Amino acid sequence: MRIIAGTARGRKIFSVSKNLPVKPISDRIKQSVFDIIRPRVPGAIMLDLFAGTGNVSLEAMSRGALKTVMVDREPACLKAMARNLEHLGFKEKAKVLKGDILKGTAWLAAYSDGLGYDIIFMGPPYRDINNKPLNFTEPVLSSIAQAKLLAEGGIIVAQHHQNEKFKVPANLELYREEKYGDTLVHFLRYKTDDSKQP
């Protein structure tokens, strides 16, 4: 794994043991996602859920994100993120937090300095260590929506397996979908109030 673009372009990202249920985002998907969200990244405050090695956050910082908050519950992932931040010189721009996202996200509001997050990326694992399909997208989206973690004009980028179905929370809307093999990436934002539109 390497940084694709920006100030750290071409530099290595350290991974974790293949025995862990961590499936890093592919370079192809990462490139496409960042092509789509490129205008939003410079100066952004970003939240990276199920962050793994920090791959997405590291790419965002290389491309000019102001700050990233990276969350995972696996000690090996937390160590990998810390190592990568040190290696790439992004330590001062990031916060690595241990937490179980499935138990709620409201506690993460404080780490956006009260501004909300401009970009929330979530790439939960598709399967557990026994190869059983997981379905984390819907509960996490619901938690994010309830906690109102997005800044005004902010977006959620949700990566998941094509077989995982979920309902979009009432105050969010899906505005774009991309497919990469067996992976889907959905782009969501707060639902606009049509009555306020000119």
N, C-alpha and C. Protein backbone atom coordinates (compact mmCIF):
# COMPACT_ATOMS: atom_id res chain seq x y z
N MET A 1 0.84 -1.20 0.00
CA MET A 1 0.00 0.00 0.00
C MET A 1 0.87 1.24 0.00
N ARG A 2 0.47 2.22 -0.80
CA ARG A 2 1.20 3.48 -0.89
C ARG A 2 0.26 4.65 -1.00
N ILE A 3 0.77 5.84 -0.68
CA ILE A 3 0.01 7.08 -0.89
C ILE A 3 -0.01 7.36 -2.38
N ILE A 4 -1.18 7.68 -2.90
CA ILE A 4 -1.35 7.86 -4.35
C ILE A 4 -0.97 9.27 -4.81
N ALA A 5 -1.35 10.28 -4.05
CA ALA A 5 -1.13 11.66 -4.51
C ALA A 5 -0.88 12.59 -3.33
N GLY A 6 -0.40 13.79 -3.64
CA GLY A 6 -0.19 14.80 -2.61
C GLY A 6 1.23 14.86 -2.11
N THR A 7 1.41 15.44 -0.93
CA THR A 7 2.75 15.70 -0.40
C THR A 7 3.53 14.43 -0.07
N ALA A 8 2.81 13.33 0.21
CA ALA A 8 3.48 12.06 0.55
C ALA A 8 3.36 11.04 -0.58
N ARG A 9 3.11 11.51 -1.76
CA ARG A 9 2.90 10.62 -2.91
C ARG A 9 4.01 9.57 -3.05
N GLY A 10 3.58 8.30 -3.23
CA GLY A 10 4.52 7.21 -3.46
C GLY A 10 5.09 6.58 -2.21
N ARG A 11 4.81 7.18 -1.05
CA ARG A 11 5.41 6.64 0.17
C ARG A 11 4.61 5.46 0.71
N LYS A 12 5.31 4.55 1.35
CA LYS A 12 4.73 3.29 1.83
C LYS A 12 3.80 3.49 3.02
N ILE A 13 2.74 2.67 3.06
CA ILE A 13 1.85 2.60 4.22
C ILE A 13 2.04 1.22 4.84
N PHE A 14 2.36 1.17 6.11
CA PHE A 14 2.55 -0.10 6.80
C PHE A 14 1.21 -0.76 7.09
N SER A 15 1.14 -2.07 6.95
CA SER A 15 -0.11 -2.80 7.12
C SER A 15 -0.10 -3.58 8.44
N VAL A 16 -1.09 -4.47 8.58
CA VAL A 16 -1.19 -5.31 9.77
C VAL A 16 -1.19 -6.78 9.32
N SER A 17 -1.15 -7.68 10.28
CA SER A 17 -1.14 -9.11 9.97
C SER A 17 -2.35 -9.51 9.13
N LYS A 18 -2.10 -10.38 8.17
CA LYS A 18 -3.19 -10.87 7.32
C LYS A 18 -4.16 -11.78 8.09
N ASN A 19 -3.78 -12.15 9.30
CA ASN A 19 -4.66 -12.98 10.14
C ASN A 19 -5.81 -12.18 10.74
N LEU A 20 -5.69 -10.86 10.72
CA LEU A 20 -6.75 -10.00 11.25
C LEU A 20 -7.81 -9.77 10.17
N PRO A 21 -9.09 -9.59 10.57
CA PRO A 21 -10.16 -9.34 9.60
C PRO A 21 -10.15 -7.90 9.09
N VAL A 22 -8.99 -7.49 8.57
CA VAL A 22 -8.82 -6.13 8.06
C VAL A 22 -8.59 -6.22 6.56
N LYS A 23 -9.49 -5.64 5.79
CA LYS A 23 -9.35 -5.66 4.33
C LYS A 23 -9.08 -4.23 3.86
N PRO A 24 -7.81 -3.91 3.60
CA PRO A 24 -7.48 -2.54 3.19
C PRO A 24 -8.20 -2.16 1.91
N ILE A 25 -8.57 -0.90 1.79
CA ILE A 25 -9.18 -0.40 0.57
C ILE A 25 -8.17 -0.56 -0.57
N SER A 26 -8.64 -0.98 -1.73
CA SER A 26 -7.73 -1.16 -2.86
C SER A 26 -7.33 0.20 -3.42
N ASP A 27 -6.17 0.24 -4.07
CA ASP A 27 -5.72 1.50 -4.69
C ASP A 27 -6.72 1.99 -5.73
N ARG A 28 -7.34 1.05 -6.44
CA ARG A 28 -8.31 1.44 -7.47
C ARG A 28 -9.51 2.17 -6.87
N ILE A 29 -10.05 1.59 -5.78
CA ILE A 29 -11.21 2.22 -5.14
C ILE A 29 -10.79 3.53 -4.48
N LYS A 30 -9.64 3.52 -3.83
CA LYS A 30 -9.17 4.74 -3.16
C LYS A 30 -8.97 5.87 -4.17
N GLN A 31 -8.36 5.56 -5.30
CA GLN A 31 -8.16 6.57 -6.34
C GLN A 31 -9.49 7.14 -6.81
N SER A 32 -10.45 6.25 -7.08
CA SER A 32 -11.75 6.69 -7.58
C SER A 32 -12.49 7.55 -6.56
N VAL A 33 -12.50 7.10 -5.30
CA VAL A 33 -13.17 7.87 -4.26
C VAL A 33 -12.57 9.26 -4.13
N PHE A 34 -11.26 9.35 -4.13
CA PHE A 34 -10.62 10.66 -4.00
C PHE A 34 -10.78 11.52 -5.25
N ASP A 35 -10.93 10.90 -6.41
CA ASP A 35 -11.26 11.68 -7.61
C ASP A 35 -12.63 12.34 -7.44
N ILE A 36 -13.56 11.60 -6.82
CA ILE A 36 -14.92 12.11 -6.63
C ILE A 36 -14.98 13.21 -5.57
N ILE A 37 -14.27 13.02 -4.47
CA ILE A 37 -14.36 13.99 -3.37
C ILE A 37 -13.23 15.02 -3.36
N ARG A 38 -12.41 15.02 -4.38
CA ARG A 38 -11.21 15.88 -4.43
C ARG A 38 -11.45 17.33 -3.98
N PRO A 39 -12.50 18.01 -4.46
CA PRO A 39 -12.67 19.42 -4.07
C PRO A 39 -12.95 19.61 -2.58
N ARG A 40 -13.40 18.56 -1.91
CA ARG A 40 -13.77 18.68 -0.51
C ARG A 40 -12.60 18.43 0.45
N VAL A 41 -11.53 17.86 -0.04
CA VAL A 41 -10.47 17.39 0.84
C VAL A 41 -9.59 18.49 1.42
N PRO A 42 -9.09 19.45 0.64
CA PRO A 42 -8.23 20.47 1.23
C PRO A 42 -8.92 21.24 2.35
N GLY A 43 -8.29 21.27 3.50
CA GLY A 43 -8.85 21.99 4.64
C GLY A 43 -9.93 21.26 5.40
N ALA A 44 -10.23 20.02 5.02
CA ALA A 44 -11.34 19.27 5.62
C ALA A 44 -10.98 18.70 6.99
N ILE A 45 -12.00 18.57 7.83
CA ILE A 45 -11.90 17.79 9.07
C ILE A 45 -12.58 16.46 8.77
N MET A 46 -11.84 15.38 8.93
CA MET A 46 -12.31 14.07 8.49
C MET A 46 -12.38 13.07 9.63
N LEU A 47 -13.41 12.24 9.59
CA LEU A 47 -13.57 11.14 10.53
C LEU A 47 -13.47 9.83 9.77
N ASP A 48 -12.59 8.95 10.22
CA ASP A 48 -12.35 7.67 9.56
C ASP A 48 -12.73 6.54 10.51
N LEU A 49 -13.86 5.89 10.24
CA LEU A 49 -14.37 4.83 11.10
C LEU A 49 -13.94 3.46 10.59
N PHE A 50 -13.63 2.54 11.50
CA PHE A 50 -13.04 1.25 11.13
C PHE A 50 -11.77 1.53 10.32
N ALA A 51 -10.93 2.38 10.85
CA ALA A 51 -9.83 2.98 10.08
C ALA A 51 -8.74 2.01 9.67
N GLY A 52 -8.63 0.86 10.36
CA GLY A 52 -7.61 -0.12 9.95
C GLY A 52 -6.21 0.43 10.07
N THR A 53 -5.52 0.51 8.97
CA THR A 53 -4.14 1.04 8.95
C THR A 53 -4.11 2.56 8.84
N GLY A 54 -5.28 3.17 8.62
CA GLY A 54 -5.34 4.62 8.41
C GLY A 54 -5.16 5.01 6.96
N ASN A 55 -5.21 4.05 6.06
CA ASN A 55 -4.96 4.26 4.64
C ASN A 55 -5.70 5.47 4.07
N VAL A 56 -7.01 5.54 4.31
CA VAL A 56 -7.82 6.62 3.74
C VAL A 56 -7.47 7.97 4.37
N SER A 57 -7.33 8.00 5.68
CA SER A 57 -6.96 9.24 6.36
C SER A 57 -5.60 9.75 5.93
N LEU A 58 -4.65 8.83 5.78
CA LEU A 58 -3.31 9.22 5.35
C LEU A 58 -3.33 9.83 3.96
N GLU A 59 -4.13 9.25 3.08
CA GLU A 59 -4.28 9.80 1.73
C GLU A 59 -4.90 11.20 1.79
N ALA A 60 -5.91 11.35 2.67
CA ALA A 60 -6.57 12.65 2.80
C ALA A 60 -5.60 13.72 3.30
N MET A 61 -4.78 13.38 4.28
CA MET A 61 -3.82 14.36 4.80
C MET A 61 -2.77 14.70 3.76
N SER A 62 -2.34 13.71 3.00
CA SER A 62 -1.38 13.97 1.93
C SER A 62 -1.95 14.96 0.92
N ARG A 63 -3.28 14.90 0.75
CA ARG A 63 -3.96 15.76 -0.22
C ARG A 63 -4.48 17.07 0.39
N GLY A 64 -4.12 17.34 1.63
CA GLY A 64 -4.43 18.64 2.20
C GLY A 64 -5.50 18.72 3.26
N ALA A 65 -6.01 17.57 3.74
CA ALA A 65 -6.99 17.61 4.83
C ALA A 65 -6.35 18.27 6.05
N LEU A 66 -7.14 19.08 6.74
CA LEU A 66 -6.63 19.82 7.90
C LEU A 66 -6.40 18.92 9.10
N LYS A 67 -7.34 17.99 9.31
CA LYS A 67 -7.29 17.14 10.50
C LYS A 67 -8.07 15.87 10.23
N THR A 68 -7.58 14.74 10.78
CA THR A 68 -8.34 13.50 10.70
C THR A 68 -8.44 12.86 12.07
N VAL A 69 -9.60 12.25 12.32
CA VAL A 69 -9.83 11.48 13.53
C VAL A 69 -10.02 10.04 13.09
N MET A 70 -9.15 9.15 13.55
CA MET A 70 -9.10 7.77 13.08
C MET A 70 -9.50 6.84 14.21
N VAL A 71 -10.51 6.00 13.96
CA VAL A 71 -11.06 5.17 15.03
C VAL A 71 -11.05 3.69 14.65
N ASP A 72 -10.59 2.87 15.57
CA ASP A 72 -10.64 1.43 15.40
C ASP A 72 -10.59 0.80 16.79
N ARG A 73 -10.98 -0.47 16.89
CA ARG A 73 -10.94 -1.13 18.19
C ARG A 73 -9.81 -2.15 18.30
N GLU A 74 -9.16 -2.46 17.17
CA GLU A 74 -8.09 -3.46 17.17
C GLU A 74 -6.76 -2.83 17.58
N PRO A 75 -6.13 -3.33 18.66
CA PRO A 75 -4.84 -2.77 19.08
C PRO A 75 -3.79 -2.77 17.97
N ALA A 76 -3.77 -3.82 17.14
CA ALA A 76 -2.79 -3.88 16.05
C ALA A 76 -3.02 -2.76 15.05
N CYS A 77 -4.28 -2.43 14.81
CA CYS A 77 -4.59 -1.34 13.88
C CYS A 77 -4.17 0.01 14.47
N LEU A 78 -4.41 0.19 15.75
CA LEU A 78 -4.02 1.44 16.41
C LEU A 78 -2.50 1.63 16.33
N LYS A 79 -1.77 0.56 16.53
CA LYS A 79 -0.30 0.63 16.43
C LYS A 79 0.13 0.94 15.01
N ALA A 80 -0.54 0.33 14.03
CA ALA A 80 -0.20 0.57 12.62
C ALA A 80 -0.46 2.03 12.25
N MET A 81 -1.58 2.57 12.72
CA MET A 81 -1.90 3.97 12.43
C MET A 81 -0.85 4.91 13.03
N ALA A 82 -0.50 4.65 14.28
CA ALA A 82 0.51 5.49 14.93
C ALA A 82 1.84 5.42 14.19
N ARG A 83 2.20 4.22 13.76
CA ARG A 83 3.46 4.04 13.02
C ARG A 83 3.42 4.79 11.69
N ASN A 84 2.29 4.69 11.00
CA ASN A 84 2.17 5.37 9.70
C ASN A 84 2.18 6.89 9.85
N LEU A 85 1.52 7.39 10.88
CA LEU A 85 1.51 8.84 11.10
C LEU A 85 2.92 9.36 11.38
N GLU A 86 3.66 8.61 12.18
CA GLU A 86 5.04 8.99 12.48
C GLU A 86 5.89 8.93 11.23
N HIS A 87 5.75 7.85 10.48
CA HIS A 87 6.52 7.61 9.26
C HIS A 87 6.30 8.70 8.21
N LEU A 88 5.05 9.15 8.09
CA LEU A 88 4.71 10.13 7.05
C LEU A 88 4.73 11.58 7.53
N GLY A 89 4.96 11.78 8.83
CA GLY A 89 5.04 13.14 9.36
C GLY A 89 3.69 13.81 9.55
N PHE A 90 2.64 13.01 9.75
CA PHE A 90 1.29 13.56 9.90
C PHE A 90 0.79 13.50 11.34
N LYS A 91 1.67 13.21 12.27
CA LYS A 91 1.27 12.99 13.65
C LYS A 91 0.50 14.18 14.24
N GLU A 92 0.90 15.38 13.88
CA GLU A 92 0.27 16.58 14.45
C GLU A 92 -1.10 16.88 13.84
N LYS A 93 -1.43 16.22 12.75
CA LYS A 93 -2.70 16.49 12.06
C LYS A 93 -3.78 15.44 12.34
N ALA A 94 -3.46 14.47 13.20
CA ALA A 94 -4.38 13.34 13.37
C ALA A 94 -4.56 12.95 14.83
N LYS A 95 -5.70 12.35 15.10
CA LYS A 95 -6.00 11.81 16.41
C LYS A 95 -6.40 10.35 16.22
N VAL A 96 -5.70 9.44 16.89
CA VAL A 96 -6.01 8.01 16.82
C VAL A 96 -6.76 7.62 18.09
N LEU A 97 -7.95 7.06 17.91
CA LEU A 97 -8.80 6.73 19.05
C LEU A 97 -9.20 5.26 19.02
N LYS A 98 -9.19 4.64 20.20
CA LYS A 98 -9.70 3.28 20.32
C LYS A 98 -11.17 3.34 20.69
N GLY A 99 -12.00 2.65 19.92
CA GLY A 99 -13.41 2.66 20.22
C GLY A 99 -14.18 1.66 19.39
N ASP A 100 -15.29 1.19 19.94
CA ASP A 100 -16.17 0.27 19.23
C ASP A 100 -17.31 1.08 18.62
N ILE A 101 -17.23 1.30 17.33
CA ILE A 101 -18.20 2.13 16.62
C ILE A 101 -19.62 1.58 16.75
N LEU A 102 -19.75 0.28 16.89
CA LEU A 102 -21.07 -0.33 16.98
C LEU A 102 -21.78 0.02 18.29
N LYS A 103 -21.05 0.55 19.24
CA LYS A 103 -21.66 0.95 20.52
C LYS A 103 -22.05 2.42 20.53
N GLY A 104 -21.89 3.11 19.40
CA GLY A 104 -22.29 4.51 19.32
C GLY A 104 -21.19 5.42 18.80
N THR A 105 -21.60 6.58 18.28
CA THR A 105 -20.64 7.53 17.70
C THR A 105 -20.75 8.94 18.29
N ALA A 106 -21.74 9.17 19.16
CA ALA A 106 -21.97 10.52 19.68
C ALA A 106 -20.72 11.08 20.37
N TRP A 107 -19.95 10.21 21.00
CA TRP A 107 -18.74 10.64 21.71
C TRP A 107 -17.69 11.26 20.80
N LEU A 108 -17.82 11.02 19.50
CA LEU A 108 -16.83 11.54 18.55
C LEU A 108 -17.08 13.00 18.16
N ALA A 109 -18.23 13.54 18.51
CA ALA A 109 -18.55 14.93 18.15
C ALA A 109 -17.51 15.90 18.71
N ALA A 110 -17.05 15.64 19.93
CA ALA A 110 -16.11 16.55 20.59
C ALA A 110 -14.79 16.67 19.85
N TYR A 111 -14.40 15.64 19.11
CA TYR A 111 -13.09 15.65 18.45
C TYR A 111 -13.08 16.44 17.14
N SER A 112 -14.25 16.96 16.74
CA SER A 112 -14.29 17.83 15.55
C SER A 112 -14.18 19.30 15.95
N ASP A 113 -13.85 19.53 17.22
CA ASP A 113 -13.74 20.90 17.76
C ASP A 113 -15.05 21.66 17.64
N GLY A 114 -16.16 20.91 17.70
CA GLY A 114 -17.47 21.54 17.63
C GLY A 114 -17.89 21.98 16.25
N LEU A 115 -17.10 21.66 15.23
CA LEU A 115 -17.37 22.11 13.87
C LEU A 115 -18.11 21.08 13.04
N GLY A 116 -18.13 19.82 13.51
CA GLY A 116 -18.67 18.75 12.69
C GLY A 116 -17.63 18.28 11.69
N TYR A 117 -17.89 17.14 11.09
CA TYR A 117 -16.93 16.57 10.14
C TYR A 117 -17.35 16.85 8.70
N ASP A 118 -16.40 17.29 7.91
CA ASP A 118 -16.66 17.58 6.49
C ASP A 118 -16.77 16.28 5.69
N ILE A 119 -16.00 15.29 6.09
CA ILE A 119 -16.02 13.98 5.42
C ILE A 119 -15.99 12.90 6.49
N ILE A 120 -16.91 11.96 6.40
CA ILE A 120 -16.87 10.77 7.25
C ILE A 120 -16.73 9.57 6.32
N PHE A 121 -15.64 8.84 6.49
CA PHE A 121 -15.43 7.62 5.70
C PHE A 121 -15.63 6.43 6.61
N MET A 122 -16.40 5.44 6.12
CA MET A 122 -16.58 4.22 6.88
C MET A 122 -16.41 3.01 5.97
N GLY A 123 -15.49 2.16 6.34
CA GLY A 123 -15.24 0.94 5.58
C GLY A 123 -15.20 -0.24 6.51
N PRO A 124 -16.36 -0.61 7.10
CA PRO A 124 -16.38 -1.72 8.05
C PRO A 124 -16.01 -3.04 7.39
N PRO A 125 -15.54 -4.01 8.18
CA PRO A 125 -15.20 -5.31 7.59
C PRO A 125 -16.42 -5.99 7.00
N TYR A 126 -16.20 -6.72 5.92
CA TYR A 126 -17.29 -7.43 5.24
C TYR A 126 -17.62 -8.75 5.94
N ARG A 127 -16.59 -9.40 6.50
CA ARG A 127 -16.76 -10.71 7.11
C ARG A 127 -15.94 -10.80 8.39
N ASP A 128 -16.36 -11.70 9.29
CA ASP A 128 -15.59 -11.90 10.51
C ASP A 128 -14.52 -12.97 10.29
N ILE A 129 -13.82 -13.35 11.35
CA ILE A 129 -12.71 -14.29 11.20
C ILE A 129 -13.18 -15.69 10.78
N ASN A 130 -14.47 -15.96 10.95
CA ASN A 130 -15.05 -17.24 10.53
C ASN A 130 -15.70 -17.15 9.15
N ASN A 131 -15.45 -16.04 8.46
CA ASN A 131 -15.97 -15.80 7.11
C ASN A 131 -17.49 -15.59 7.08
N LYS A 132 -18.05 -15.23 8.21
CA LYS A 132 -19.48 -14.94 8.29
C LYS A 132 -19.73 -13.50 7.86
N PRO A 133 -20.69 -13.24 6.96
CA PRO A 133 -20.97 -11.87 6.51
C PRO A 133 -21.38 -10.96 7.67
N LEU A 134 -20.88 -9.75 7.64
CA LEU A 134 -21.22 -8.75 8.65
C LEU A 134 -22.09 -7.66 8.02
N ASN A 135 -22.91 -7.04 8.85
CA ASN A 135 -23.81 -6.00 8.34
C ASN A 135 -23.77 -4.80 9.28
N PHE A 136 -22.71 -4.02 9.15
CA PHE A 136 -22.48 -2.91 10.06
C PHE A 136 -22.93 -1.56 9.49
N THR A 137 -23.17 -1.48 8.19
CA THR A 137 -23.42 -0.18 7.56
C THR A 137 -24.65 0.51 8.12
N GLU A 138 -25.78 -0.19 8.18
CA GLU A 138 -27.01 0.46 8.64
C GLU A 138 -26.94 0.97 10.07
N PRO A 139 -26.50 0.15 11.05
CA PRO A 139 -26.45 0.69 12.42
C PRO A 139 -25.49 1.85 12.58
N VAL A 140 -24.39 1.83 11.84
CA VAL A 140 -23.42 2.93 11.98
C VAL A 140 -23.95 4.20 11.32
N LEU A 141 -24.57 4.08 10.16
CA LEU A 141 -25.19 5.25 9.53
C LEU A 141 -26.25 5.85 10.44
N SER A 142 -27.05 5.01 11.05
CA SER A 142 -28.11 5.48 11.96
C SER A 142 -27.50 6.22 13.14
N SER A 143 -26.40 5.69 13.66
CA SER A 143 -25.72 6.33 14.79
C SER A 143 -25.14 7.68 14.40
N ILE A 144 -24.52 7.75 13.23
CA ILE A 144 -23.96 9.02 12.73
C ILE A 144 -25.06 10.05 12.55
N ALA A 145 -26.18 9.62 11.95
CA ALA A 145 -27.30 10.53 11.69
C ALA A 145 -27.89 11.05 12.99
N GLN A 146 -28.04 10.16 13.96
CA GLN A 146 -28.62 10.55 15.25
C GLN A 146 -27.70 11.50 16.00
N ALA A 147 -26.40 11.26 15.91
CA ALA A 147 -25.42 12.09 16.62
C ALA A 147 -25.15 13.42 15.91
N LYS A 148 -25.62 13.54 14.67
CA LYS A 148 -25.45 14.77 13.87
C LYS A 148 -23.97 15.16 13.80
N LEU A 149 -23.17 14.22 13.34
CA LEU A 149 -21.72 14.43 13.29
C LEU A 149 -21.25 15.23 12.08
N LEU A 150 -22.07 15.31 11.03
CA LEU A 150 -21.65 16.01 9.82
C LEU A 150 -21.69 17.52 9.99
N ALA A 151 -20.70 18.18 9.41
CA ALA A 151 -20.73 19.64 9.30
C ALA A 151 -21.72 20.01 8.20
N GLU A 152 -22.10 21.26 8.15
CA GLU A 152 -22.97 21.72 7.08
C GLU A 152 -22.29 21.48 5.73
N GLY A 153 -22.98 20.82 4.84
CA GLY A 153 -22.39 20.50 3.53
C GLY A 153 -21.49 19.28 3.55
N GLY A 154 -21.40 18.60 4.71
CA GLY A 154 -20.53 17.43 4.83
C GLY A 154 -21.10 16.21 4.14
N ILE A 155 -20.24 15.20 3.95
CA ILE A 155 -20.66 13.97 3.27
C ILE A 155 -20.17 12.74 4.03
N ILE A 156 -20.88 11.64 3.81
CA ILE A 156 -20.47 10.33 4.31
C ILE A 156 -20.13 9.46 3.11
N VAL A 157 -19.00 8.79 3.17
CA VAL A 157 -18.61 7.84 2.14
C VAL A 157 -18.63 6.46 2.80
N ALA A 158 -19.55 5.60 2.34
CA ALA A 158 -19.74 4.29 2.96
C ALA A 158 -19.37 3.18 1.99
N GLN A 159 -18.34 2.42 2.33
CA GLN A 159 -17.90 1.29 1.51
C GLN A 159 -18.41 0.00 2.14
N HIS A 160 -18.98 -0.89 1.33
CA HIS A 160 -19.51 -2.15 1.87
C HIS A 160 -19.64 -3.19 0.76
N HIS A 161 -19.89 -4.43 1.14
CA HIS A 161 -20.07 -5.51 0.17
C HIS A 161 -21.39 -5.33 -0.56
N GLN A 162 -21.41 -5.71 -1.83
CA GLN A 162 -22.61 -5.52 -2.65
C GLN A 162 -23.84 -6.28 -2.11
N ASN A 163 -23.62 -7.33 -1.35
CA ASN A 163 -24.74 -8.12 -0.81
C ASN A 163 -25.33 -7.53 0.47
N GLU A 164 -24.65 -6.55 1.02
CA GLU A 164 -25.16 -5.93 2.25
C GLU A 164 -26.19 -4.86 1.91
N LYS A 165 -27.40 -5.02 2.38
CA LYS A 165 -28.46 -4.06 2.14
C LYS A 165 -28.68 -3.22 3.40
N PHE A 166 -29.06 -1.97 3.22
CA PHE A 166 -29.31 -1.12 4.38
C PHE A 166 -30.33 -0.04 4.05
N LYS A 167 -30.98 0.46 5.08
CA LYS A 167 -31.92 1.57 4.93
C LYS A 167 -31.19 2.87 5.24
N VAL A 168 -31.47 3.89 4.44
CA VAL A 168 -30.87 5.20 4.67
C VAL A 168 -31.65 5.91 5.76
N PRO A 169 -30.99 6.42 6.80
CA PRO A 169 -31.69 7.15 7.86
C PRO A 169 -32.51 8.31 7.30
N ALA A 170 -33.57 8.66 8.00
CA ALA A 170 -34.54 9.64 7.50
C ALA A 170 -33.93 11.01 7.20
N ASN A 171 -32.91 11.41 7.96
CA ASN A 171 -32.34 12.75 7.74
C ASN A 171 -31.14 12.75 6.79
N LEU A 172 -30.88 11.60 6.16
CA LEU A 172 -29.81 11.52 5.17
C LEU A 172 -30.39 11.15 3.81
N GLU A 173 -29.64 11.48 2.76
CA GLU A 173 -30.02 11.07 1.41
C GLU A 173 -28.81 10.53 0.68
N LEU A 174 -29.06 9.49 -0.11
CA LEU A 174 -28.03 8.90 -0.95
C LEU A 174 -28.00 9.66 -2.27
N TYR A 175 -26.85 10.22 -2.63
CA TYR A 175 -26.81 11.00 -3.86
C TYR A 175 -25.87 10.44 -4.93
N ARG A 176 -25.11 9.39 -4.57
CA ARG A 176 -24.25 8.79 -5.59
C ARG A 176 -23.87 7.38 -5.17
N GLU A 177 -23.73 6.50 -6.15
CA GLU A 177 -23.31 5.12 -5.90
C GLU A 177 -22.29 4.70 -6.95
N GLU A 178 -21.23 4.04 -6.51
CA GLU A 178 -20.22 3.52 -7.41
C GLU A 178 -19.99 2.05 -7.09
N LYS A 179 -19.74 1.24 -8.12
CA LYS A 179 -19.53 -0.19 -7.94
C LYS A 179 -18.14 -0.58 -8.43
N TYR A 180 -17.44 -1.37 -7.63
CA TYR A 180 -16.11 -1.85 -7.96
C TYR A 180 -16.07 -3.35 -7.64
N GLY A 181 -16.28 -4.19 -8.63
CA GLY A 181 -16.31 -5.63 -8.36
C GLY A 181 -17.44 -5.95 -7.40
N ASP A 182 -17.10 -6.58 -6.25
CA ASP A 182 -18.13 -6.92 -5.27
C ASP A 182 -18.29 -5.85 -4.19
N THR A 183 -17.70 -4.69 -4.43
CA THR A 183 -17.76 -3.59 -3.47
C THR A 183 -18.63 -2.45 -3.99
N LEU A 184 -19.45 -1.90 -3.12
CA LEU A 184 -20.22 -0.70 -3.43
C LEU A 184 -19.73 0.44 -2.54
N VAL A 185 -19.71 1.63 -3.10
CA VAL A 185 -19.40 2.83 -2.32
C VAL A 185 -20.57 3.79 -2.49
N HIS A 186 -21.20 4.15 -1.36
CA HIS A 186 -22.31 5.08 -1.38
C HIS A 186 -21.88 6.42 -0.80
N PHE A 187 -22.39 7.48 -1.39
CA PHE A 187 -22.11 8.85 -0.95
C PHE A 187 -23.41 9.44 -0.42
N LEU A 188 -23.40 9.90 0.82
CA LEU A 188 -24.60 10.41 1.46
C LEU A 188 -24.36 11.79 2.05
N ARG A 189 -25.45 12.52 2.26
CA ARG A 189 -25.38 13.84 2.87
C ARG A 189 -26.70 14.09 3.61
N TYR A 190 -26.75 15.20 4.36
CA TYR A 190 -28.00 15.53 5.01
C TYR A 190 -29.06 15.81 3.94
N LYS A 191 -30.25 15.37 4.22
CA LYS A 191 -31.36 15.59 3.30
C LYS A 191 -31.69 17.08 3.27
N THR A 192 -31.87 17.61 2.07
CA THR A 192 -32.20 19.03 1.95
C THR A 192 -33.70 19.22 2.14
N ASP A 193 -34.07 20.35 2.71
CA ASP A 193 -35.48 20.69 2.90
C ASP A 193 -35.95 21.44 1.66
N ASP A 194 -36.72 20.76 0.83
CA ASP A 194 -37.16 21.37 -0.44
C ASP A 194 -37.94 22.65 -0.23
N SER A 195 -38.59 22.79 0.93
CA SER A 195 -39.38 23.97 1.18
C SER A 195 -38.54 25.22 1.34
N LYS A 196 -37.22 24.98 1.58
CA LYS A 196 -36.33 26.13 1.76
C LYS A 196 -35.59 26.47 0.48
N GLN A 197 -35.80 25.68 -0.54
CA GLN A 197 -35.12 25.94 -1.80
C GLN A 197 -35.80 27.08 -2.54
N PRO A 198 -35.03 27.93 -3.22
CA PRO A 198 -35.64 29.05 -3.96
C PRO A 198 -36.46 28.55 -5.14
